[in-house]
Amino acid sequence: MANKLTIALPKGKLFQPSIEILAQAGLNTAGFSDSARTLVFEDTTNNTRFIICRPTDIPTYVEHGAADLGIVGKDSIIEAGKNLYELLDLKFGFCRFVVAAPAKSLDAQGKFPWKQGMRIATKFPAIANEYLQKKGMQAEIIKLHGNVELAPRVNLSEVIVDIVSTGKTLKENDLVPLEEIGQASARLIVNRASYRLKAAGINRLVTSLKKILLEGGE
């Protein structure tokens, strides 16, 4: 049907809480898996299709209309820089963006000796660049796709910008946070055209999700 909603769901740590909150909102997510070969699921009762994607790809699917809605971390939204609307903070998948450096690089007062032209390794170059602009610093940003904490240990960079939840990985790699520069959690995003053309179905879902979030906060 023309008014069928397509929702992009993220593989990985946000997948389970995503299908749980959608189930609470009345959608049928039974049997969904982010590890199965099937990456498309149908809820015929609610005229909804679900596609399972890498989190970093979800903003692209939503911007181009392959999905009307998506659930993805704020970090992926910022980095993608796509033309879409952010509808709701879903209040799960909370993480912090931090700048971190090796503990041994701190001076006697526990301060990090910042220098112009230093190298920063990160999976989030847009966030790192925004931080540098606010700080009035110039640095070389080295984009990595994983294991950012390894970069200072092998002299690829002096510091890193990474996303952390508990800070355990930093500690295990003898890194200390220098500064928290932002926070991230799961968000509901929508395609701009879909928000107009499929407003009734989208608004029903948003209303249900808002109610769940409100009750959860009580």
N, C-alpha and C. Protein backbone atom coordinates (compact mmCIF):
# COMPACT_ATOMS: atom_id res chain seq x y z
N MET A 1 0.83 -1.20 0.00
CA MET A 1 0.00 0.00 0.00
C MET A 1 0.87 1.25 0.00
N ALA A 2 0.30 2.33 -0.54
CA ALA A 2 1.07 3.56 -0.69
C ALA A 2 1.51 4.14 0.64
N ASN A 3 0.72 3.95 1.68
CA ASN A 3 1.03 4.55 2.97
C ASN A 3 1.84 3.64 3.89
N LYS A 4 2.36 2.55 3.34
CA LYS A 4 3.19 1.67 4.16
C LYS A 4 4.42 2.42 4.66
N LEU A 5 4.71 2.25 5.94
CA LEU A 5 5.89 2.86 6.53
C LEU A 5 7.07 1.89 6.46
N THR A 6 8.23 2.39 6.11
CA THR A 6 9.46 1.60 6.16
C THR A 6 10.36 2.21 7.23
N ILE A 7 10.77 1.36 8.17
CA ILE A 7 11.59 1.80 9.29
C ILE A 7 12.93 1.09 9.24
N ALA A 8 14.01 1.87 9.25
CA ALA A 8 15.37 1.30 9.26
C ALA A 8 15.83 1.10 10.69
N LEU A 9 16.26 -0.12 11.01
CA LEU A 9 16.71 -0.47 12.36
C LEU A 9 18.22 -0.73 12.34
N PRO A 10 18.92 -0.34 13.40
CA PRO A 10 20.38 -0.48 13.41
C PRO A 10 20.85 -1.85 13.90
N LYS A 11 21.80 -2.41 13.19
CA LYS A 11 22.47 -3.60 13.70
C LYS A 11 23.27 -3.23 14.94
N GLY A 12 23.57 -4.23 15.77
CA GLY A 12 24.45 -3.98 16.90
C GLY A 12 23.74 -3.66 18.19
N LYS A 13 24.38 -2.88 19.04
CA LYS A 13 23.92 -2.69 20.41
C LYS A 13 22.59 -1.96 20.52
N LEU A 14 22.22 -1.18 19.50
CA LEU A 14 20.94 -0.46 19.56
C LEU A 14 19.78 -1.29 19.02
N PHE A 15 20.08 -2.46 18.45
CA PHE A 15 19.02 -3.24 17.80
C PHE A 15 17.95 -3.72 18.79
N GLN A 16 18.37 -4.39 19.85
CA GLN A 16 17.41 -4.97 20.79
C GLN A 16 16.52 -3.91 21.45
N PRO A 17 17.10 -2.83 22.01
CA PRO A 17 16.22 -1.81 22.58
C PRO A 17 15.32 -1.15 21.55
N SER A 18 15.75 -1.11 20.29
CA SER A 18 14.92 -0.52 19.24
C SER A 18 13.67 -1.36 18.98
N ILE A 19 13.85 -2.69 18.85
CA ILE A 19 12.68 -3.51 18.57
C ILE A 19 11.78 -3.62 19.81
N GLU A 20 12.38 -3.49 20.99
CA GLU A 20 11.57 -3.55 22.21
C GLU A 20 10.66 -2.34 22.34
N ILE A 21 11.18 -1.13 22.06
CA ILE A 21 10.33 0.06 22.19
C ILE A 21 9.28 0.11 21.09
N LEU A 22 9.62 -0.41 19.91
CA LEU A 22 8.62 -0.46 18.83
C LEU A 22 7.52 -1.47 19.14
N ALA A 23 7.90 -2.56 19.79
CA ALA A 23 6.89 -3.54 20.21
C ALA A 23 5.96 -2.92 21.25
N GLN A 24 6.51 -2.14 22.17
CA GLN A 24 5.69 -1.45 23.15
C GLN A 24 4.72 -0.47 22.49
N ALA A 25 5.15 0.06 21.34
CA ALA A 25 4.31 1.01 20.59
C ALA A 25 3.26 0.30 19.74
N GLY A 26 3.23 -1.04 19.79
CA GLY A 26 2.18 -1.79 19.09
C GLY A 26 2.59 -2.43 17.80
N LEU A 27 3.85 -2.33 17.41
CA LEU A 27 4.31 -2.97 16.18
C LEU A 27 4.77 -4.39 16.47
N ASN A 28 4.66 -5.24 15.47
CA ASN A 28 5.02 -6.65 15.64
C ASN A 28 6.48 -6.85 15.22
N THR A 29 7.35 -6.99 16.21
CA THR A 29 8.78 -7.20 15.93
C THR A 29 9.24 -8.60 16.34
N ALA A 30 8.29 -9.50 16.56
CA ALA A 30 8.62 -10.87 16.98
C ALA A 30 9.46 -11.57 15.91
N GLY A 31 10.51 -12.21 16.35
CA GLY A 31 11.35 -12.99 15.43
C GLY A 31 12.38 -12.17 14.67
N PHE A 32 12.45 -10.87 14.95
CA PHE A 32 13.44 -10.04 14.27
C PHE A 32 14.84 -10.38 14.78
N SER A 33 15.80 -10.34 13.86
CA SER A 33 17.19 -10.60 14.23
C SER A 33 18.10 -9.74 13.37
N ASP A 34 19.17 -9.23 13.98
CA ASP A 34 20.14 -8.45 13.19
C ASP A 34 21.31 -9.32 12.74
N SER A 35 21.22 -10.62 13.01
CA SER A 35 22.29 -11.52 12.59
C SER A 35 21.81 -12.54 11.54
N ALA A 36 20.51 -12.54 11.24
CA ALA A 36 19.97 -13.46 10.24
C ALA A 36 20.29 -12.97 8.83
N ARG A 37 20.18 -13.85 7.86
CA ARG A 37 20.43 -13.45 6.47
C ARG A 37 19.35 -12.50 5.98
N THR A 38 18.13 -12.69 6.48
CA THR A 38 17.02 -11.82 6.10
C THR A 38 17.21 -10.45 6.73
N LEU A 39 17.24 -9.42 5.90
CA LEU A 39 17.42 -8.06 6.39
C LEU A 39 16.17 -7.21 6.20
N VAL A 40 15.09 -7.84 5.73
CA VAL A 40 13.81 -7.15 5.55
C VAL A 40 12.73 -7.96 6.24
N PHE A 41 11.95 -7.30 7.09
CA PHE A 41 10.86 -7.95 7.82
C PHE A 41 9.58 -7.17 7.58
N GLU A 42 8.46 -7.88 7.59
CA GLU A 42 7.17 -7.24 7.34
C GLU A 42 6.25 -7.41 8.55
N ASP A 43 5.56 -6.34 8.90
CA ASP A 43 4.46 -6.38 9.86
C ASP A 43 3.21 -6.02 9.07
N THR A 44 2.57 -7.05 8.51
CA THR A 44 1.42 -6.80 7.62
C THR A 44 0.23 -6.22 8.37
N THR A 45 0.09 -6.59 9.64
CA THR A 45 -1.03 -6.07 10.43
C THR A 45 -0.98 -4.55 10.53
N ASN A 46 0.22 -4.03 10.71
CA ASN A 46 0.38 -2.57 10.89
C ASN A 46 0.91 -1.88 9.64
N ASN A 47 0.92 -2.61 8.50
CA ASN A 47 1.33 -2.04 7.22
C ASN A 47 2.71 -1.37 7.33
N THR A 48 3.65 -2.11 7.92
CA THR A 48 4.98 -1.57 8.17
C THR A 48 6.05 -2.56 7.72
N ARG A 49 7.08 -2.04 7.10
CA ARG A 49 8.23 -2.85 6.71
C ARG A 49 9.45 -2.37 7.50
N PHE A 50 10.32 -3.31 7.84
CA PHE A 50 11.53 -2.99 8.59
C PHE A 50 12.73 -3.46 7.79
N ILE A 51 13.75 -2.62 7.72
CA ILE A 51 15.01 -3.04 7.09
C ILE A 51 16.12 -2.90 8.12
N ILE A 52 17.01 -3.87 8.15
CA ILE A 52 18.10 -3.91 9.12
C ILE A 52 19.38 -3.43 8.44
N CYS A 53 20.00 -2.38 8.97
CA CYS A 53 21.14 -1.74 8.32
C CYS A 53 22.29 -1.50 9.30
N ARG A 54 23.46 -1.25 8.75
CA ARG A 54 24.56 -0.73 9.57
C ARG A 54 24.15 0.65 10.07
N PRO A 55 24.41 0.96 11.33
CA PRO A 55 24.00 2.27 11.86
C PRO A 55 24.49 3.45 11.04
N THR A 56 25.72 3.38 10.53
CA THR A 56 26.27 4.50 9.77
C THR A 56 25.55 4.72 8.44
N ASP A 57 24.83 3.69 7.95
CA ASP A 57 24.12 3.81 6.68
C ASP A 57 22.69 4.32 6.84
N ILE A 58 22.15 4.26 8.05
CA ILE A 58 20.74 4.60 8.25
C ILE A 58 20.41 6.03 7.83
N PRO A 59 21.21 7.05 8.18
CA PRO A 59 20.88 8.40 7.70
C PRO A 59 20.79 8.49 6.19
N THR A 60 21.62 7.73 5.47
CA THR A 60 21.56 7.74 4.01
C THR A 60 20.27 7.11 3.50
N TYR A 61 19.88 5.97 4.07
CA TYR A 61 18.62 5.33 3.68
C TYR A 61 17.44 6.27 3.91
N VAL A 62 17.47 6.98 5.03
CA VAL A 62 16.35 7.87 5.36
C VAL A 62 16.38 9.12 4.48
N GLU A 63 17.53 9.71 4.27
CA GLU A 63 17.59 10.92 3.44
C GLU A 63 17.07 10.66 2.03
N HIS A 64 17.40 9.51 1.47
CA HIS A 64 17.02 9.21 0.09
C HIS A 64 15.65 8.54 -0.03
N GLY A 65 14.97 8.33 1.10
CA GLY A 65 13.60 7.81 1.04
C GLY A 65 13.49 6.31 0.93
N ALA A 66 14.62 5.59 1.03
CA ALA A 66 14.54 4.13 1.04
C ALA A 66 13.90 3.66 2.34
N ALA A 67 13.99 4.49 3.37
CA ALA A 67 13.28 4.27 4.63
C ALA A 67 12.62 5.60 5.01
N ASP A 68 11.39 5.50 5.52
CA ASP A 68 10.70 6.71 5.97
C ASP A 68 11.24 7.18 7.31
N LEU A 69 11.53 6.20 8.17
CA LEU A 69 12.00 6.47 9.52
C LEU A 69 13.24 5.63 9.80
N GLY A 70 14.01 6.03 10.79
CA GLY A 70 15.16 5.24 11.20
C GLY A 70 15.45 5.48 12.67
N ILE A 71 16.05 4.48 13.29
CA ILE A 71 16.54 4.62 14.66
C ILE A 71 18.05 4.50 14.60
N VAL A 72 18.74 5.51 15.13
CA VAL A 72 20.19 5.54 15.02
C VAL A 72 20.76 6.45 16.09
N GLY A 73 22.02 6.24 16.43
CA GLY A 73 22.67 7.07 17.45
C GLY A 73 22.92 8.48 16.94
N LYS A 74 22.90 9.42 17.87
CA LYS A 74 23.15 10.82 17.53
C LYS A 74 24.52 10.99 16.88
N ASP A 75 25.49 10.16 17.27
CA ASP A 75 26.82 10.24 16.67
C ASP A 75 26.77 10.01 15.17
N SER A 76 25.97 9.01 14.74
CA SER A 76 25.87 8.71 13.31
C SER A 76 25.17 9.84 12.56
N ILE A 77 24.21 10.48 13.22
CA ILE A 77 23.49 11.59 12.59
C ILE A 77 24.44 12.76 12.34
N ILE A 78 25.23 13.10 13.35
CA ILE A 78 26.16 14.22 13.23
C ILE A 78 27.18 13.95 12.13
N GLU A 79 27.76 12.76 12.15
CA GLU A 79 28.81 12.43 11.19
C GLU A 79 28.28 12.38 9.76
N ALA A 80 27.05 11.89 9.59
CA ALA A 80 26.49 11.74 8.24
C ALA A 80 26.17 13.10 7.63
N GLY A 81 25.69 14.04 8.44
CA GLY A 81 25.36 15.37 7.94
C GLY A 81 24.30 15.37 6.86
N LYS A 82 23.31 14.48 6.99
CA LYS A 82 22.29 14.34 5.96
C LYS A 82 21.12 15.31 6.17
N ASN A 83 20.33 15.46 5.12
CA ASN A 83 19.18 16.37 5.13
C ASN A 83 17.94 15.60 5.58
N LEU A 84 17.70 15.60 6.89
CA LEU A 84 16.58 14.86 7.45
C LEU A 84 16.14 15.54 8.75
N TYR A 85 15.01 15.06 9.30
CA TYR A 85 14.53 15.58 10.57
C TYR A 85 14.82 14.60 11.69
N GLU A 86 15.14 15.14 12.84
CA GLU A 86 15.29 14.34 14.05
C GLU A 86 14.03 14.55 14.90
N LEU A 87 13.28 13.47 15.13
CA LEU A 87 11.98 13.60 15.78
C LEU A 87 12.01 13.40 17.28
N LEU A 88 12.75 12.39 17.74
CA LEU A 88 12.70 12.03 19.16
C LEU A 88 14.05 11.54 19.67
N ASP A 89 14.34 11.91 20.91
CA ASP A 89 15.42 11.27 21.65
C ASP A 89 14.79 10.07 22.35
N LEU A 90 15.22 8.86 21.99
CA LEU A 90 14.59 7.65 22.51
C LEU A 90 15.14 7.21 23.87
N LYS A 91 16.12 7.92 24.38
CA LYS A 91 16.58 7.74 25.76
C LYS A 91 17.26 6.41 26.05
N PHE A 92 17.81 5.77 25.03
CA PHE A 92 18.64 4.59 25.28
C PHE A 92 19.91 4.69 24.43
N GLY A 93 20.86 3.80 24.71
CA GLY A 93 22.13 3.84 23.98
C GLY A 93 22.97 5.05 24.34
N PHE A 94 22.88 5.48 25.60
CA PHE A 94 23.60 6.69 26.02
C PHE A 94 25.11 6.49 26.02
N CYS A 95 25.82 7.43 25.40
CA CYS A 95 27.29 7.42 25.37
C CYS A 95 27.80 8.85 25.45
N ARG A 96 29.10 8.99 25.70
CA ARG A 96 29.74 10.30 25.78
C ARG A 96 30.88 10.38 24.76
N PHE A 97 31.03 11.55 24.15
CA PHE A 97 32.21 11.82 23.33
C PHE A 97 33.29 12.39 24.22
N VAL A 98 34.47 11.80 24.17
CA VAL A 98 35.57 12.33 24.98
C VAL A 98 36.83 12.47 24.15
N VAL A 99 37.67 13.40 24.59
CA VAL A 99 39.04 13.49 24.11
C VAL A 99 39.89 12.76 25.13
N ALA A 100 40.74 11.85 24.67
CA ALA A 100 41.56 11.06 25.60
C ALA A 100 43.00 10.99 25.11
N ALA A 101 43.90 10.81 26.07
CA ALA A 101 45.33 10.74 25.77
C ALA A 101 45.99 9.72 26.70
N PRO A 102 47.18 9.24 26.36
CA PRO A 102 47.88 8.32 27.26
C PRO A 102 48.16 8.97 28.60
N ALA A 103 47.98 8.22 29.66
CA ALA A 103 48.22 8.74 31.02
C ALA A 103 49.65 9.25 31.16
N LYS A 104 50.58 8.58 30.51
CA LYS A 104 52.00 8.95 30.65
C LYS A 104 52.33 10.27 29.96
N SER A 105 51.40 10.78 29.12
CA SER A 105 51.67 12.04 28.41
C SER A 105 51.31 13.27 29.22
N LEU A 106 50.66 13.09 30.37
CA LEU A 106 50.28 14.23 31.20
C LEU A 106 51.49 14.76 31.96
N ASP A 107 51.47 16.07 32.22
CA ASP A 107 52.59 16.66 32.95
C ASP A 107 52.41 16.46 34.47
N ALA A 108 53.31 17.04 35.25
CA ALA A 108 53.30 16.83 36.70
C ALA A 108 52.02 17.33 37.36
N GLN A 109 51.34 18.28 36.73
CA GLN A 109 50.08 18.81 37.26
C GLN A 109 48.86 18.06 36.71
N GLY A 110 49.12 17.00 35.94
CA GLY A 110 48.03 16.22 35.37
C GLY A 110 47.40 16.86 34.15
N LYS A 111 48.10 17.82 33.53
CA LYS A 111 47.59 18.51 32.35
C LYS A 111 48.22 17.93 31.09
N PHE A 112 47.44 17.98 30.00
CA PHE A 112 47.97 17.50 28.73
C PHE A 112 48.62 18.66 27.97
N PRO A 113 49.84 18.48 27.48
CA PRO A 113 50.55 19.57 26.77
C PRO A 113 50.08 19.72 25.32
N TRP A 114 48.97 20.44 25.13
CA TRP A 114 48.45 20.65 23.78
C TRP A 114 49.45 21.44 22.94
N LYS A 115 49.58 21.04 21.68
CA LYS A 115 50.43 21.76 20.73
C LYS A 115 49.71 21.85 19.39
N GLN A 116 49.91 22.97 18.72
CA GLN A 116 49.34 23.12 17.38
C GLN A 116 49.92 22.05 16.44
N GLY A 117 49.07 21.52 15.58
CA GLY A 117 49.53 20.54 14.59
C GLY A 117 49.59 19.11 15.09
N MET A 118 49.06 18.86 16.29
CA MET A 118 49.05 17.48 16.80
C MET A 118 48.10 16.62 15.98
N ARG A 119 48.22 15.33 16.15
CA ARG A 119 47.37 14.39 15.41
C ARG A 119 46.29 13.82 16.33
N ILE A 120 45.07 13.79 15.81
CA ILE A 120 43.94 13.24 16.55
C ILE A 120 43.34 12.09 15.73
N ALA A 121 43.30 10.91 16.31
CA ALA A 121 42.69 9.75 15.65
C ALA A 121 41.25 9.61 16.13
N THR A 122 40.34 9.32 15.20
CA THR A 122 38.93 9.25 15.57
C THR A 122 38.09 8.57 14.50
N LYS A 123 36.96 8.03 14.91
CA LYS A 123 35.94 7.54 13.98
C LYS A 123 34.96 8.65 13.64
N PHE A 124 35.13 9.81 14.32
CA PHE A 124 34.16 10.89 14.21
C PHE A 124 34.85 12.20 13.81
N PRO A 125 35.32 12.30 12.56
CA PRO A 125 36.06 13.50 12.15
C PRO A 125 35.25 14.79 12.22
N ALA A 126 33.96 14.73 11.94
CA ALA A 126 33.14 15.95 12.00
C ALA A 126 33.07 16.47 13.44
N ILE A 127 32.89 15.57 14.38
CA ILE A 127 32.82 15.95 15.79
C ILE A 127 34.17 16.45 16.28
N ALA A 128 35.23 15.78 15.85
CA ALA A 128 36.58 16.21 16.23
C ALA A 128 36.89 17.59 15.67
N ASN A 129 36.49 17.82 14.43
CA ASN A 129 36.76 19.12 13.80
C ASN A 129 36.00 20.24 14.49
N GLU A 130 34.75 19.98 14.87
CA GLU A 130 33.96 20.97 15.59
C GLU A 130 34.61 21.31 16.93
N TYR A 131 35.11 20.29 17.59
CA TYR A 131 35.79 20.49 18.88
C TYR A 131 37.03 21.37 18.70
N LEU A 132 37.82 21.09 17.67
CA LEU A 132 39.04 21.86 17.42
C LEU A 132 38.72 23.32 17.12
N GLN A 133 37.65 23.54 16.36
CA GLN A 133 37.27 24.92 16.04
C GLN A 133 36.90 25.69 17.30
N LYS A 134 36.14 25.05 18.18
CA LYS A 134 35.75 25.70 19.43
C LYS A 134 36.96 25.98 20.32
N LYS A 135 37.93 25.10 20.25
CA LYS A 135 39.14 25.23 21.08
C LYS A 135 40.15 26.19 20.46
N GLY A 136 39.95 26.52 19.18
CA GLY A 136 40.91 27.38 18.49
C GLY A 136 42.21 26.68 18.20
N MET A 137 42.14 25.36 17.99
CA MET A 137 43.34 24.57 17.76
C MET A 137 43.39 24.10 16.31
N GLN A 138 44.60 23.90 15.82
CA GLN A 138 44.81 23.25 14.53
C GLN A 138 45.44 21.89 14.79
N ALA A 139 44.90 20.87 14.14
CA ALA A 139 45.43 19.51 14.32
C ALA A 139 45.12 18.70 13.07
N GLU A 140 45.87 17.65 12.89
CA GLU A 140 45.61 16.71 11.80
C GLU A 140 44.65 15.65 12.31
N ILE A 141 43.50 15.52 11.65
CA ILE A 141 42.52 14.52 12.04
C ILE A 141 42.71 13.27 11.19
N ILE A 142 42.96 12.16 11.85
CA ILE A 142 43.17 10.88 11.16
C ILE A 142 41.92 10.02 11.38
N LYS A 143 41.22 9.72 10.31
CA LYS A 143 39.99 8.93 10.43
C LYS A 143 40.31 7.44 10.46
N LEU A 144 39.77 6.77 11.47
CA LEU A 144 39.87 5.31 11.59
C LEU A 144 38.47 4.72 11.63
N HIS A 145 38.38 3.42 11.41
CA HIS A 145 37.07 2.76 11.41
C HIS A 145 36.87 1.85 12.62
N GLY A 146 37.87 1.76 13.47
CA GLY A 146 37.75 0.93 14.66
C GLY A 146 39.05 0.93 15.44
N ASN A 147 38.98 0.45 16.69
CA ASN A 147 40.17 0.34 17.56
C ASN A 147 40.96 1.65 17.63
N VAL A 148 40.24 2.74 17.82
CA VAL A 148 40.87 4.05 17.89
C VAL A 148 41.87 4.13 19.03
N GLU A 149 41.57 3.41 20.11
CA GLU A 149 42.45 3.48 21.30
C GLU A 149 43.86 2.95 21.02
N LEU A 150 44.03 2.23 19.92
CA LEU A 150 45.35 1.72 19.56
C LEU A 150 46.28 2.82 19.03
N ALA A 151 45.69 3.87 18.46
CA ALA A 151 46.48 4.89 17.74
C ALA A 151 47.59 5.51 18.58
N PRO A 152 47.34 5.96 19.81
CA PRO A 152 48.45 6.55 20.58
C PRO A 152 49.52 5.53 20.96
N ARG A 153 49.14 4.29 21.11
CA ARG A 153 50.10 3.26 21.53
C ARG A 153 51.12 2.97 20.44
N VAL A 154 50.74 3.19 19.19
CA VAL A 154 51.67 2.92 18.08
C VAL A 154 52.14 4.23 17.42
N ASN A 155 51.95 5.35 18.14
CA ASN A 155 52.40 6.66 17.69
C ASN A 155 51.75 7.14 16.40
N LEU A 156 50.52 6.69 16.16
CA LEU A 156 49.77 7.21 15.01
C LEU A 156 49.19 8.59 15.35
N SER A 157 48.86 8.77 16.63
CA SER A 157 48.32 10.07 17.06
C SER A 157 48.70 10.32 18.51
N GLU A 158 48.61 11.59 18.90
CA GLU A 158 48.88 11.94 20.30
C GLU A 158 47.63 11.78 21.16
N VAL A 159 46.47 12.07 20.59
CA VAL A 159 45.21 11.97 21.32
C VAL A 159 44.17 11.31 20.43
N ILE A 160 43.02 10.97 21.03
CA ILE A 160 41.90 10.41 20.28
C ILE A 160 40.62 11.14 20.66
N VAL A 161 39.66 11.12 19.77
CA VAL A 161 38.28 11.50 20.09
C VAL A 161 37.45 10.25 19.86
N ASP A 162 36.78 9.78 20.90
CA ASP A 162 36.03 8.54 20.77
C ASP A 162 34.75 8.63 21.58
N ILE A 163 33.89 7.65 21.38
CA ILE A 163 32.63 7.58 22.10
C ILE A 163 32.75 6.47 23.14
N VAL A 164 32.37 6.75 24.37
CA VAL A 164 32.52 5.78 25.44
C VAL A 164 31.24 5.68 26.24
N SER A 165 31.03 4.53 26.85
CA SER A 165 29.89 4.36 27.75
C SER A 165 30.38 4.20 29.19
N THR A 166 31.24 3.22 29.44
CA THR A 166 31.74 3.01 30.80
C THR A 166 33.16 3.54 31.00
N GLY A 167 33.91 3.69 29.92
CA GLY A 167 35.30 4.12 30.02
C GLY A 167 36.27 2.98 30.25
N LYS A 168 35.75 1.75 30.27
CA LYS A 168 36.58 0.58 30.54
C LYS A 168 37.67 0.39 29.49
N THR A 169 37.31 0.57 28.21
CA THR A 169 38.29 0.37 27.14
C THR A 169 39.42 1.38 27.22
N LEU A 170 39.09 2.62 27.58
CA LEU A 170 40.15 3.63 27.75
C LEU A 170 41.12 3.19 28.83
N LYS A 171 40.58 2.77 29.96
CA LYS A 171 41.42 2.37 31.09
C LYS A 171 42.30 1.19 30.73
N GLU A 172 41.74 0.22 30.00
CA GLU A 172 42.50 -0.96 29.62
C GLU A 172 43.68 -0.62 28.70
N ASN A 173 43.56 0.52 28.01
CA ASN A 173 44.63 0.94 27.10
C ASN A 173 45.44 2.11 27.65
N ASP A 174 45.37 2.29 28.99
CA ASP A 174 46.14 3.34 29.67
C ASP A 174 45.87 4.73 29.11
N LEU A 175 44.61 4.96 28.74
CA LEU A 175 44.20 6.28 28.26
C LEU A 175 43.33 6.95 29.32
N VAL A 176 43.45 8.25 29.41
CA VAL A 176 42.64 9.00 30.37
C VAL A 176 41.84 10.06 29.62
N PRO A 177 40.57 10.26 29.99
CA PRO A 177 39.77 11.30 29.34
C PRO A 177 40.26 12.68 29.76
N LEU A 178 40.45 13.55 28.79
CA LEU A 178 40.87 14.93 29.05
C LEU A 178 39.67 15.86 29.16
N GLU A 179 38.65 15.54 28.38
CA GLU A 179 37.49 16.43 28.32
C GLU A 179 36.31 15.70 27.70
N GLU A 180 35.11 15.92 28.24
CA GLU A 180 33.89 15.43 27.60
C GLU A 180 33.40 16.51 26.67
N ILE A 181 33.15 16.14 25.41
CA ILE A 181 32.79 17.17 24.43
C ILE A 181 31.38 17.00 23.88
N GLY A 182 30.63 16.03 24.38
CA GLY A 182 29.27 15.86 23.91
C GLY A 182 28.69 14.54 24.37
N GLN A 183 27.40 14.38 24.13
CA GLN A 183 26.70 13.17 24.51
C GLN A 183 25.89 12.66 23.33
N ALA A 184 25.58 11.38 23.36
CA ALA A 184 24.80 10.77 22.27
C ALA A 184 23.85 9.73 22.83
N SER A 185 22.72 9.59 22.18
CA SER A 185 21.77 8.54 22.50
C SER A 185 21.01 8.20 21.22
N ALA A 186 20.16 7.19 21.27
CA ALA A 186 19.41 6.77 20.08
C ALA A 186 18.33 7.80 19.74
N ARG A 187 18.19 8.09 18.48
CA ARG A 187 17.19 9.07 18.02
C ARG A 187 16.30 8.45 16.92
N LEU A 188 15.09 8.96 16.82
CA LEU A 188 14.19 8.61 15.72
C LEU A 188 14.30 9.71 14.68
N ILE A 189 14.68 9.33 13.45
CA ILE A 189 14.82 10.29 12.37
C ILE A 189 13.80 9.99 11.27
N VAL A 190 13.51 11.00 10.45
CA VAL A 190 12.48 10.84 9.43
C VAL A 190 12.90 11.53 8.14
N ASN A 191 12.51 10.96 7.03
CA ASN A 191 12.70 11.56 5.71
C ASN A 191 11.78 12.78 5.60
N ARG A 192 12.29 13.87 5.07
CA ARG A 192 11.52 15.11 5.02
C ARG A 192 10.22 14.97 4.22
N ALA A 193 10.29 14.31 3.05
CA ALA A 193 9.09 14.14 2.23
C ALA A 193 8.09 13.21 2.91
N SER A 194 8.59 12.14 3.51
CA SER A 194 7.71 11.19 4.20
C SER A 194 6.96 11.87 5.34
N TYR A 195 7.62 12.81 6.00
CA TYR A 195 7.00 13.51 7.13
C TYR A 195 5.76 14.27 6.70
N ARG A 196 5.73 14.69 5.43
CA ARG A 196 4.53 15.35 4.89
C ARG A 196 3.55 14.33 4.32
N LEU A 197 4.06 13.42 3.52
CA LEU A 197 3.18 12.51 2.77
C LEU A 197 2.60 11.39 3.62
N LYS A 198 3.28 11.00 4.67
CA LYS A 198 2.82 9.91 5.53
C LYS A 198 2.65 10.39 6.97
N ALA A 199 2.19 11.63 7.09
CA ALA A 199 2.13 12.28 8.40
C ALA A 199 1.26 11.52 9.39
N ALA A 200 0.14 10.99 8.95
CA ALA A 200 -0.79 10.33 9.88
C ALA A 200 -0.14 9.14 10.57
N GLY A 201 0.45 8.25 9.78
CA GLY A 201 1.08 7.06 10.34
C GLY A 201 2.29 7.40 11.19
N ILE A 202 3.09 8.35 10.73
CA ILE A 202 4.28 8.75 11.49
C ILE A 202 3.89 9.39 12.82
N ASN A 203 2.90 10.27 12.78
CA ASN A 203 2.48 10.95 14.01
C ASN A 203 1.87 9.99 15.02
N ARG A 204 1.17 8.96 14.53
CA ARG A 204 0.62 7.95 15.45
C ARG A 204 1.75 7.24 16.19
N LEU A 205 2.78 6.86 15.43
CA LEU A 205 3.92 6.17 16.04
C LEU A 205 4.64 7.09 17.02
N VAL A 206 4.87 8.33 16.63
CA VAL A 206 5.58 9.29 17.49
C VAL A 206 4.80 9.52 18.78
N THR A 207 3.47 9.63 18.67
CA THR A 207 2.62 9.83 19.86
C THR A 207 2.76 8.65 20.81
N SER A 208 2.75 7.43 20.25
CA SER A 208 2.89 6.22 21.08
C SER A 208 4.25 6.19 21.76
N LEU A 209 5.30 6.52 21.01
CA LEU A 209 6.65 6.50 21.57
C LEU A 209 6.82 7.56 22.65
N LYS A 210 6.24 8.73 22.43
CA LYS A 210 6.32 9.79 23.45
C LYS A 210 5.65 9.35 24.76
N LYS A 211 4.53 8.67 24.61
CA LYS A 211 3.82 8.18 25.80
C LYS A 211 4.67 7.16 26.57
N ILE A 212 5.31 6.25 25.82
CA ILE A 212 6.18 5.24 26.44
C ILE A 212 7.35 5.91 27.17
N LEU A 213 7.97 6.89 26.50
CA LEU A 213 9.10 7.59 27.09
C LEU A 213 8.68 8.37 28.34
N LEU A 214 7.50 8.96 28.29
CA LEU A 214 7.00 9.73 29.43
C LEU A 214 6.74 8.80 30.62
N GLU A 215 6.13 7.65 30.34
CA GLU A 215 5.83 6.70 31.41
C GLU A 215 7.11 6.12 31.98
N GLY A 216 8.11 5.92 31.10
CA GLY A 216 9.39 5.38 31.56
C GLY A 216 10.16 6.34 32.42
N GLY A 217 9.87 7.63 32.26
CA GLY A 217 10.59 8.63 33.04
C GLY A 217 9.95 8.93 34.38
N GLU A 218 8.78 8.37 34.62
CA GLU A 218 8.09 8.63 35.88
C GLU A 218 8.68 7.83 37.03
